[in-house]
PDB file of all heavy atoms in Angstrom:
ATOM      1  N   LYS A   1     -18.199   1.705  37.090  1.00  0.00           N
ATOM      2  CA  LYS A   1     -19.240   0.916  37.750  1.00  0.00           C
ATOM      3  C   LYS A   1     -18.686   0.172  38.966  1.00  0.00           C
ATOM      4  O   LYS A   1     -18.978  -1.015  39.198  1.00  0.00           O
ATOM      5  CB  LYS A   1     -19.864  -0.077  36.773  1.00  0.00           C
ATOM      6  CG  LYS A   1     -20.605   0.585  35.625  1.00  0.00           C
ATOM      7  CD  LYS A   1     -21.242  -0.438  34.710  1.00  0.00           C
ATOM      8  CE  LYS A   1     -21.976   0.229  33.562  1.00  0.00           C
ATOM      9  NZ  LYS A   1     -22.620  -0.762  32.660  1.00  0.00           N
ATOM     10  N   PHE A   2     -17.906   0.895  39.748  1.00  0.00           N
ATOM     11  CA  PHE A   2     -17.280   0.292  40.918  1.00  0.00           C
ATOM     12  C   PHE A   2     -17.379   1.279  42.073  1.00  0.00           C
ATOM     13  O   PHE A   2     -16.622   2.256  42.153  1.00  0.00           O
ATOM     14  CB  PHE A   2     -15.813  -0.054  40.618  1.00  0.00           C
ATOM     15  CG  PHE A   2     -15.158  -0.934  41.651  1.00  0.00           C
ATOM     16  CD1 PHE A   2     -15.326  -2.309  41.622  1.00  0.00           C
ATOM     17  CD2 PHE A   2     -14.380  -0.383  42.655  1.00  0.00           C
ATOM     18  CE1 PHE A   2     -14.715  -3.118  42.571  1.00  0.00           C
ATOM     19  CE2 PHE A   2     -13.771  -1.183  43.614  1.00  0.00           C
ATOM     20  CZ  PHE A   2     -13.934  -2.562  43.564  1.00  0.00           C
ATOM     21  N   CYS A   3     -18.352   1.054  42.953  1.00  0.00           N
ATOM     22  CA  CYS A   3     -18.554   1.925  44.104  1.00  0.00           C
ATOM     23  C   CYS A   3     -17.510   1.595  45.172  1.00  0.00           C
ATOM     24  O   CYS A   3     -17.505   0.486  45.716  1.00  0.00           O
ATOM     25  CB  CYS A   3     -19.969   1.725  44.662  1.00  0.00           C
ATOM     26  SG  CYS A   3     -20.342   2.706  46.125  1.00  0.00           S
ATOM     27  N   ILE A   4     -16.629   2.536  45.451  1.00  0.00           N
ATOM     28  CA  ILE A   4     -15.507   2.288  46.353  1.00  0.00           C
ATOM     29  C   ILE A   4     -15.954   2.441  47.813  1.00  0.00           C
ATOM     30  O   ILE A   4     -16.511   3.468  48.207  1.00  0.00           O
ATOM     31  CB  ILE A   4     -14.340   3.248  46.068  1.00  0.00           C
ATOM     32  CG1 ILE A   4     -13.832   3.043  44.641  1.00  0.00           C
ATOM     33  CG2 ILE A   4     -13.211   3.041  47.069  1.00  0.00           C
ATOM     34  CD1 ILE A   4     -12.750   4.011  44.226  1.00  0.00           C
ATOM     35  N   ASP A   5     -15.717   1.388  48.611  1.00  0.00           N
ATOM     36  CA  ASP A   5     -16.022   1.411  50.040  1.00  0.00           C
ATOM     37  C   ASP A   5     -14.765   1.437  50.903  1.00  0.00           C
ATOM     38  O   ASP A   5     -14.843   1.780  52.082  1.00  0.00           O
ATOM     39  CB  ASP A   5     -16.852   0.188  50.425  1.00  0.00           C
ATOM     40  CG  ASP A   5     -18.300   0.318  49.983  1.00  0.00           C
ATOM     41  OD1 ASP A   5     -19.076   0.985  50.690  1.00  0.00           O
ATOM     42  OD2 ASP A   5     -18.638  -0.235  48.927  1.00  0.00           O
ATOM     43  N   CYS A   6     -13.635   1.056  50.342  1.00  0.00           N
ATOM     44  CA  CYS A   6     -12.392   1.016  51.104  1.00  0.00           C
ATOM     45  C   CYS A   6     -11.225   1.214  50.155  1.00  0.00           C
ATOM     46  O   CYS A   6     -11.242   0.687  49.024  1.00  0.00           O
ATOM     47  CB  CYS A   6     -12.270  -0.326  51.845  1.00  0.00           C
ATOM     48  SG  CYS A   6     -10.900  -0.387  53.020  1.00  0.00           S
ATOM     49  N   ALA A   7     -10.230   1.970  50.588  1.00  0.00           N
ATOM     50  CA  ALA A   7      -9.024   2.212  49.789  1.00  0.00           C
ATOM     51  C   ALA A   7      -7.830   2.330  50.722  1.00  0.00           C
ATOM     52  O   ALA A   7      -7.900   3.028  51.730  1.00  0.00           O
ATOM     53  CB  ALA A   7      -9.173   3.472  48.940  1.00  0.00           C
ATOM     54  N   LYS A   8      -6.737   1.655  50.370  1.00  0.00           N
ATOM     55  CA  LYS A   8      -5.545   1.643  51.213  1.00  0.00           C
ATOM     56  C   LYS A   8      -4.290   1.690  50.333  1.00  0.00           C
ATOM     57  O   LYS A   8      -4.256   1.109  49.244  1.00  0.00           O
ATOM     58  CB  LYS A   8      -5.484   0.360  52.062  1.00  0.00           C
ATOM     59  CG  LYS A   8      -6.668   0.140  52.984  1.00  0.00           C
ATOM     60  CD  LYS A   8      -6.603   1.035  54.205  1.00  0.00           C
ATOM     61  CE  LYS A   8      -7.754   0.724  55.164  1.00  0.00           C
ATOM     62  NZ  LYS A   8      -7.736   1.605  56.349  1.00  0.00           N
ATOM     63  N   PHE A   9      -3.253   2.365  50.850  1.00  0.00           N
ATOM     64  CA  PHE A   9      -1.925   2.266  50.261  1.00  0.00           C
ATOM     65  C   PHE A   9      -1.268   0.971  50.714  1.00  0.00           C
ATOM     66  O   PHE A   9      -1.526   0.483  51.832  1.00  0.00           O
ATOM     67  CB  PHE A   9      -1.045   3.444  50.702  1.00  0.00           C
ATOM     68  CG  PHE A   9      -1.271   4.720  49.944  1.00  0.00           C
ATOM     69  CD1 PHE A   9      -1.895   5.785  50.554  1.00  0.00           C
ATOM     70  CD2 PHE A   9      -0.869   4.836  48.621  1.00  0.00           C
ATOM     71  CE1 PHE A   9      -2.096   6.970  49.863  1.00  0.00           C
ATOM     72  CE2 PHE A   9      -1.071   6.015  47.927  1.00  0.00           C
ATOM     73  CZ  PHE A   9      -1.685   7.085  48.535  1.00  0.00           C
ATOM     74  N   THR A  10      -0.414   0.406  49.883  1.00  0.00           N
ATOM     75  CA  THR A  10       0.396  -0.723  50.322  1.00  0.00           C
ATOM     76  C   THR A  10       1.490  -0.209  51.263  1.00  0.00           C
ATOM     77  O   THR A  10       1.735   0.991  51.360  1.00  0.00           O
ATOM     78  CB  THR A  10       1.021  -1.445  49.124  1.00  0.00           C
ATOM     79  OG1 THR A  10       1.771  -0.511  48.338  1.00  0.00           O
ATOM     80  CG2 THR A  10      -0.063  -2.078  48.255  1.00  0.00           C
ATOM     81  N   ALA A  11       2.171  -1.117  51.949  1.00  0.00           N
ATOM     82  CA  ALA A  11       3.161  -0.717  52.946  1.00  0.00           C
ATOM     83  C   ALA A  11       4.319   0.058  52.337  1.00  0.00           C
ATOM     84  O   ALA A  11       4.854   0.977  52.956  1.00  0.00           O
ATOM     85  CB  ALA A  11       3.694  -1.957  53.681  1.00  0.00           C
ATOM     86  N   ASP A  12       4.723  -0.283  51.097  1.00  0.00           N
ATOM     87  CA  ASP A  12       5.830   0.426  50.457  1.00  0.00           C
ATOM     88  C   ASP A  12       5.373   1.686  49.733  1.00  0.00           C
ATOM     89  O   ASP A  12       6.204   2.478  49.285  1.00  0.00           O
ATOM     90  CB  ASP A  12       6.558  -0.492  49.475  1.00  0.00           C
ATOM     91  CG  ASP A  12       5.625  -1.083  48.418  1.00  0.00           C
ATOM     92  OD1 ASP A  12       4.452  -0.653  48.318  1.00  0.00           O
ATOM     93  OD2 ASP A  12       6.065  -1.993  47.695  1.00  0.00           O
ATOM     94  N   GLY A  13       4.056   1.900  49.605  1.00  0.00           N
ATOM     95  CA  GLY A  13       3.530   3.095  48.974  1.00  0.00           C
ATOM     96  C   GLY A  13       3.565   3.089  47.466  1.00  0.00           C
ATOM     97  O   GLY A  13       3.216   4.103  46.838  1.00  0.00           O
ATOM     98  N   ASN A  14       3.924   1.975  46.847  1.00  0.00           N
ATOM     99  CA  ASN A  14       4.001   1.923  45.381  1.00  0.00           C
ATOM    100  C   ASN A  14       2.643   1.665  44.733  1.00  0.00           C
ATOM    101  O   ASN A  14       2.480   1.904  43.538  1.00  0.00           O
ATOM    102  CB  ASN A  14       4.972   0.831  44.937  1.00  0.00           C
ATOM    103  CG  ASN A  14       6.407   1.152  45.340  1.00  0.00           C
ATOM    104  OD1 ASN A  14       6.767   2.318  45.487  1.00  0.00           O
ATOM    105  ND2 ASN A  14       7.215   0.114  45.532  1.00  0.00           N
ATOM    106  N   ARG A  15       1.667   1.205  45.502  1.00  0.00           N
ATOM    107  CA  ARG A  15       0.342   0.910  44.971  1.00  0.00           C
ATOM    108  C   ARG A  15      -0.722   1.390  45.950  1.00  0.00           C
ATOM    109  O   ARG A  15      -0.448   1.604  47.132  1.00  0.00           O
ATOM    110  CB  ARG A  15       0.155  -0.602  44.744  1.00  0.00           C
ATOM    111  CG  ARG A  15       1.144  -1.255  43.816  1.00  0.00           C
ATOM    112  CD  ARG A  15       0.910  -2.763  43.791  1.00  0.00           C
ATOM    113  NE  ARG A  15       1.831  -3.456  42.900  1.00  0.00           N
ATOM    114  CZ  ARG A  15       1.874  -4.776  42.746  1.00  0.00           C
ATOM    115  NH1 ARG A  15       1.030  -5.542  43.441  1.00  0.00           N
ATOM    116  NH2 ARG A  15       2.730  -5.339  41.916  1.00  0.00           N
ATOM    117  N   PHE A  16      -1.942   1.516  45.449  1.00  0.00           N
ATOM    118  CA  PHE A  16      -3.098   1.621  46.332  1.00  0.00           C
ATOM    119  C   PHE A  16      -4.167   0.652  45.845  1.00  0.00           C
ATOM    120  O   PHE A  16      -4.298   0.395  44.642  1.00  0.00           O
ATOM    121  CB  PHE A  16      -3.618   3.060  46.449  1.00  0.00           C
ATOM    122  CG  PHE A  16      -4.251   3.635  45.217  1.00  0.00           C
ATOM    123  CD1 PHE A  16      -5.575   3.357  44.876  1.00  0.00           C
ATOM    124  CD2 PHE A  16      -3.527   4.480  44.387  1.00  0.00           C
ATOM    125  CE1 PHE A  16      -6.172   3.899  43.753  1.00  0.00           C
ATOM    126  CE2 PHE A  16      -4.107   5.020  43.248  1.00  0.00           C
ATOM    127  CZ  PHE A  16      -5.425   4.743  42.939  1.00  0.00           C
ATOM    128  N   ILE A  17      -4.933   0.106  46.816  1.00  0.00           N
ATOM    129  CA  ILE A  17      -5.928  -0.923  46.539  1.00  0.00           C
ATOM    130  C   ILE A  17      -7.303  -0.371  46.866  1.00  0.00           C
ATOM    131  O   ILE A  17      -7.479   0.327  47.876  1.00  0.00           O
ATOM    132  CB  ILE A  17      -5.648  -2.178  47.397  1.00  0.00           C
ATOM    133  CG1 ILE A  17      -4.211  -2.645  47.204  1.00  0.00           C
ATOM    134  CG2 ILE A  17      -6.620  -3.308  47.048  1.00  0.00           C
ATOM    135  CD1 ILE A  17      -3.772  -3.694  48.221  1.00  0.00           C
ATOM    136  N   VAL A  18      -8.288  -0.661  46.023  1.00  0.00           N
ATOM    137  CA  VAL A  18      -9.668  -0.222  46.260  1.00  0.00           C
ATOM    138  C   VAL A  18     -10.585  -1.437  46.242  1.00  0.00           C
ATOM    139  O   VAL A  18     -10.402  -2.368  45.450  1.00  0.00           O
ATOM    140  CB  VAL A  18     -10.130   0.811  45.205  1.00  0.00           C
ATOM    141  CG1 VAL A  18      -9.319   2.092  45.309  1.00  0.00           C
ATOM    142  CG2 VAL A  18     -10.035   0.256  43.789  1.00  0.00           C
ATOM    143  N   GLY A  19     -11.577  -1.435  47.151  1.00  0.00           N
ATOM    144  CA  GLY A  19     -12.543  -2.515  47.221  1.00  0.00           C
ATOM    145  C   GLY A  19     -13.957  -1.997  47.336  1.00  0.00           C
ATOM    146  O   GLY A  19     -14.178  -0.829  47.690  1.00  0.00           O
ATOM    147  N   SER A  20     -14.943  -2.856  47.069  1.00  0.00           N
ATOM    148  CA  SER A  20     -16.349  -2.470  47.085  1.00  0.00           C
ATOM    149  C   SER A  20     -17.183  -3.562  47.753  1.00  0.00           C
ATOM    150  O   SER A  20     -16.839  -4.749  47.700  1.00  0.00           O
ATOM    151  CB  SER A  20     -16.853  -2.236  45.659  1.00  0.00           C
ATOM    152  OG  SER A  20     -18.243  -2.001  45.647  1.00  0.00           O
ATOM    153  N   LYS A  21     -18.311  -3.142  48.360  1.00  0.00           N
ATOM    154  CA  LYS A  21     -19.206  -4.109  48.991  1.00  0.00           C
ATOM    155  C   LYS A  21     -20.103  -4.802  47.975  1.00  0.00           C
ATOM    156  O   LYS A  21     -20.808  -5.764  48.323  1.00  0.00           O
ATOM    157  CB  LYS A  21     -20.060  -3.415  50.040  1.00  0.00           C
ATOM    158  CG  LYS A  21     -20.995  -2.357  49.489  1.00  0.00           C
ATOM    159  CD  LYS A  21     -21.775  -1.706  50.608  1.00  0.00           C
ATOM    160  CE  LYS A  21     -22.675  -0.584  50.085  1.00  0.00           C
ATOM    161  NZ  LYS A  21     -23.416   0.081  51.186  1.00  0.00           N
ATOM    162  N   PHE A  22     -20.098  -4.331  46.732  1.00  0.00           N
ATOM    163  CA  PHE A  22     -20.967  -4.920  45.701  1.00  0.00           C
ATOM    164  C   PHE A  22     -20.222  -5.894  44.793  1.00  0.00           C
ATOM    165  O   PHE A  22     -20.838  -6.501  43.916  1.00  0.00           O
ATOM    166  CB  PHE A  22     -21.582  -3.811  44.838  1.00  0.00           C
ATOM    167  CG  PHE A  22     -22.455  -2.869  45.605  1.00  0.00           C
ATOM    168  CD1 PHE A  22     -22.086  -1.549  45.799  1.00  0.00           C
ATOM    169  CD2 PHE A  22     -23.659  -3.291  46.151  1.00  0.00           C
ATOM    170  CE1 PHE A  22     -22.881  -0.670  46.497  1.00  0.00           C
ATOM    171  CE2 PHE A  22     -24.465  -2.425  46.856  1.00  0.00           C
ATOM    172  CZ  PHE A  22     -24.076  -1.109  47.037  1.00  0.00           C
ATOM    173  N   HIS A  23     -18.918  -6.022  44.960  1.00  0.00           N
ATOM    174  CA  HIS A  23     -18.136  -6.871  44.054  1.00  0.00           C
ATOM    175  C   HIS A  23     -17.139  -7.713  44.849  1.00  0.00           C
ATOM    176  O   HIS A  23     -16.585  -7.261  45.844  1.00  0.00           O
ATOM    177  CB  HIS A  23     -17.371  -6.023  43.025  1.00  0.00           C
ATOM    178  CG  HIS A  23     -18.255  -5.117  42.230  1.00  0.00           C
ATOM    179  ND1 HIS A  23     -18.981  -5.545  41.131  1.00  0.00           N
ATOM    180  CD2 HIS A  23     -18.541  -3.793  42.386  1.00  0.00           C
ATOM    181  CE1 HIS A  23     -19.662  -4.516  40.631  1.00  0.00           C
ATOM    182  NE2 HIS A  23     -19.414  -3.452  41.378  1.00  0.00           N
ATOM    183  N   ARG A  24     -16.911  -8.935  44.370  1.00  0.00           N
ATOM    184  CA  ARG A  24     -15.928  -9.814  44.971  1.00  0.00           C
ATOM    185  C   ARG A  24     -14.529  -9.538  44.443  1.00  0.00           C
ATOM    186  O   ARG A  24     -13.541  -9.921  45.081  1.00  0.00           O
ATOM    187  CB  ARG A  24     -16.297 -11.284  44.743  1.00  0.00           C
ATOM    188  CG  ARG A  24     -16.369 -11.662  43.271  1.00  0.00           C
ATOM    189  CD  ARG A  24     -16.787 -13.111  43.061  1.00  0.00           C
ATOM    190  NE  ARG A  24     -15.805 -14.038  43.609  1.00  0.00           N
ATOM    191  CZ  ARG A  24     -16.085 -14.942  44.537  1.00  0.00           C
ATOM    192  NH1 ARG A  24     -17.314 -15.024  45.035  1.00  0.00           N
ATOM    193  NH2 ARG A  24     -15.168 -15.773  44.959  1.00  0.00           N
ATOM    194  N   HIS A  25     -14.429  -8.900  43.300  1.00  0.00           N
ATOM    195  CA  HIS A  25     -13.117  -8.545  42.769  1.00  0.00           C
ATOM    196  C   HIS A  25     -12.701  -7.168  43.294  1.00  0.00           C
ATOM    197  O   HIS A  25     -13.532  -6.407  43.809  1.00  0.00           O
ATOM    198  CB  HIS A  25     -13.122  -8.550  41.238  1.00  0.00           C
ATOM    199  CG  HIS A  25     -14.020  -7.523  40.634  1.00  0.00           C
ATOM    200  ND1 HIS A  25     -15.351  -7.756  40.347  1.00  0.00           N
ATOM    201  CD2 HIS A  25     -13.799  -6.228  40.271  1.00  0.00           C
ATOM    202  CE1 HIS A  25     -15.906  -6.678  39.839  1.00  0.00           C
ATOM    203  NE2 HIS A  25     -14.958  -5.722  39.784  1.00  0.00           N
ATOM    204  N   PHE A  26     -11.444  -6.833  43.137  1.00  0.00           N
ATOM    205  CA  PHE A  26     -10.940  -5.519  43.543  1.00  0.00           C
ATOM    206  C   PHE A  26      -9.873  -5.076  42.560  1.00  0.00           C
ATOM    207  O   PHE A  26      -9.470  -5.819  41.654  1.00  0.00           O
ATOM    208  CB  PHE A  26     -10.400  -5.563  44.982  1.00  0.00           C
ATOM    209  CG  PHE A  26      -9.255  -6.507  45.202  1.00  0.00           C
ATOM    210  CD1 PHE A  26      -7.935  -6.072  45.137  1.00  0.00           C
ATOM    211  CD2 PHE A  26      -9.483  -7.845  45.508  1.00  0.00           C
ATOM    212  CE1 PHE A  26      -6.880  -6.933  45.345  1.00  0.00           C
ATOM    213  CE2 PHE A  26      -8.431  -8.729  45.722  1.00  0.00           C
ATOM    214  CZ  PHE A  26      -7.128  -8.272  45.630  1.00  0.00           C
ATOM    215  N   PHE A  27      -9.402  -3.853  42.720  1.00  0.00           N
ATOM    216  CA  PHE A  27      -8.401  -3.275  41.829  1.00  0.00           C
ATOM    217  C   PHE A  27      -7.212  -2.772  42.639  1.00  0.00           C
ATOM    218  O   PHE A  27      -7.359  -2.366  43.794  1.00  0.00           O
ATOM    219  CB  PHE A  27      -8.979  -2.102  41.032  1.00  0.00           C
ATOM    220  CG  PHE A  27     -10.061  -2.472  40.063  1.00  0.00           C
ATOM    221  CD1 PHE A  27     -11.401  -2.491  40.476  1.00  0.00           C
ATOM    222  CD2 PHE A  27      -9.778  -2.797  38.748  1.00  0.00           C
ATOM    223  CE1 PHE A  27     -12.408  -2.811  39.594  1.00  0.00           C
ATOM    224  CE2 PHE A  27     -10.782  -3.128  37.851  1.00  0.00           C
ATOM    225  CZ  PHE A  27     -12.097  -3.129  38.282  1.00  0.00           C
ATOM    226  N   TYR A  28      -6.052  -2.786  41.988  1.00  0.00           N
ATOM    227  CA  TYR A  28      -4.908  -2.066  42.536  1.00  0.00           C
ATOM    228  C   TYR A  28      -4.300  -1.222  41.412  1.00  0.00           C
ATOM    229  O   TYR A  28      -4.309  -1.618  40.246  1.00  0.00           O
ATOM    230  CB  TYR A  28      -3.868  -3.008  43.161  1.00  0.00           C
ATOM    231  CG  TYR A  28      -3.068  -3.840  42.193  1.00  0.00           C
ATOM    232  CD1 TYR A  28      -1.914  -3.326  41.583  1.00  0.00           C
ATOM    233  CD2 TYR A  28      -3.421  -5.163  41.905  1.00  0.00           C
ATOM    234  CE1 TYR A  28      -1.165  -4.092  40.705  1.00  0.00           C
ATOM    235  CE2 TYR A  28      -2.679  -5.935  41.038  1.00  0.00           C
ATOM    236  CZ  TYR A  28      -1.550  -5.385  40.437  1.00  0.00           C
ATOM    237  OH  TYR A  28      -0.811  -6.142  39.560  1.00  0.00           O
ATOM    238  N   HIS A  29      -3.811  -0.067  41.793  1.00  0.00           N
ATOM    239  CA  HIS A  29      -3.210   0.860  40.828  1.00  0.00           C
ATOM    240  C   HIS A  29      -1.747   1.036  41.160  1.00  0.00           C
ATOM    241  O   HIS A  29      -1.383   1.420  42.277  1.00  0.00           O
ATOM    242  CB  HIS A  29      -3.929   2.217  40.862  1.00  0.00           C
ATOM    243  CG  HIS A  29      -3.398   3.201  39.864  1.00  0.00           C
ATOM    244  ND1 HIS A  29      -3.749   3.163  38.527  1.00  0.00           N
ATOM    245  CD2 HIS A  29      -2.532   4.235  40.004  1.00  0.00           C
ATOM    246  CE1 HIS A  29      -3.141   4.139  37.893  1.00  0.00           C
ATOM    247  NE2 HIS A  29      -2.384   4.815  38.771  1.00  0.00           N
ATOM    248  N   ASP A  30      -0.882   0.739  40.184  1.00  0.00           N
ATOM    249  CA  ASP A  30       0.560   0.887  40.345  1.00  0.00           C
ATOM    250  C   ASP A  30       0.937   2.336  40.058  1.00  0.00           C
ATOM    251  O   ASP A  30       0.762   2.827  38.938  1.00  0.00           O
ATOM    252  CB  ASP A  30       1.295  -0.055  39.392  1.00  0.00           C
ATOM    253  CG  ASP A  30       2.771  -0.183  39.737  1.00  0.00           C
ATOM    254  OD1 ASP A  30       3.395   0.845  40.051  1.00  0.00           O
ATOM    255  OD2 ASP A  30       3.293  -1.310  39.683  1.00  0.00           O
ATOM    256  N   LEU A  31       1.457   3.034  41.082  1.00  0.00           N
ATOM    257  CA  LEU A  31       1.781   4.444  40.923  1.00  0.00           C
ATOM    258  C   LEU A  31       3.002   4.665  40.041  1.00  0.00           C
ATOM    259  O   LEU A  31       3.085   5.677  39.336  1.00  0.00           O
ATOM    260  CB  LEU A  31       2.022   5.073  42.300  1.00  0.00           C
ATOM    261  CG  LEU A  31       0.844   5.047  43.280  1.00  0.00           C
ATOM    262  CD1 LEU A  31       1.251   5.671  44.610  1.00  0.00           C
ATOM    263  CD2 LEU A  31      -0.348   5.788  42.707  1.00  0.00           C
ATOM    264  N   LEU A  32       3.952   3.747  40.083  1.00  0.00           N
ATOM    265  CA  LEU A  32       5.163   3.910  39.290  1.00  0.00           C
ATOM    266  C   LEU A  32       4.896   3.642  37.817  1.00  0.00           C
ATOM    267  O   LEU A  32       5.380   4.385  36.942  1.00  0.00           O
ATOM    268  CB  LEU A  32       6.263   2.973  39.814  1.00  0.00           C
ATOM    269  CG  LEU A  32       6.667   3.179  41.283  1.00  0.00           C
ATOM    270  CD1 LEU A  32       7.744   2.180  41.676  1.00  0.00           C
ATOM    271  CD2 LEU A  32       7.159   4.603  41.506  1.00  0.00           C
TER     272      LEU A  32
END
């Protein structure tokens, strides 16, 4: 239930962050 509007890798590439226009919270996923 999280419509993704933006997604970016962090500068070191260990994570990616996703955000939505419908929510004030966001998620990050640790690749390692």
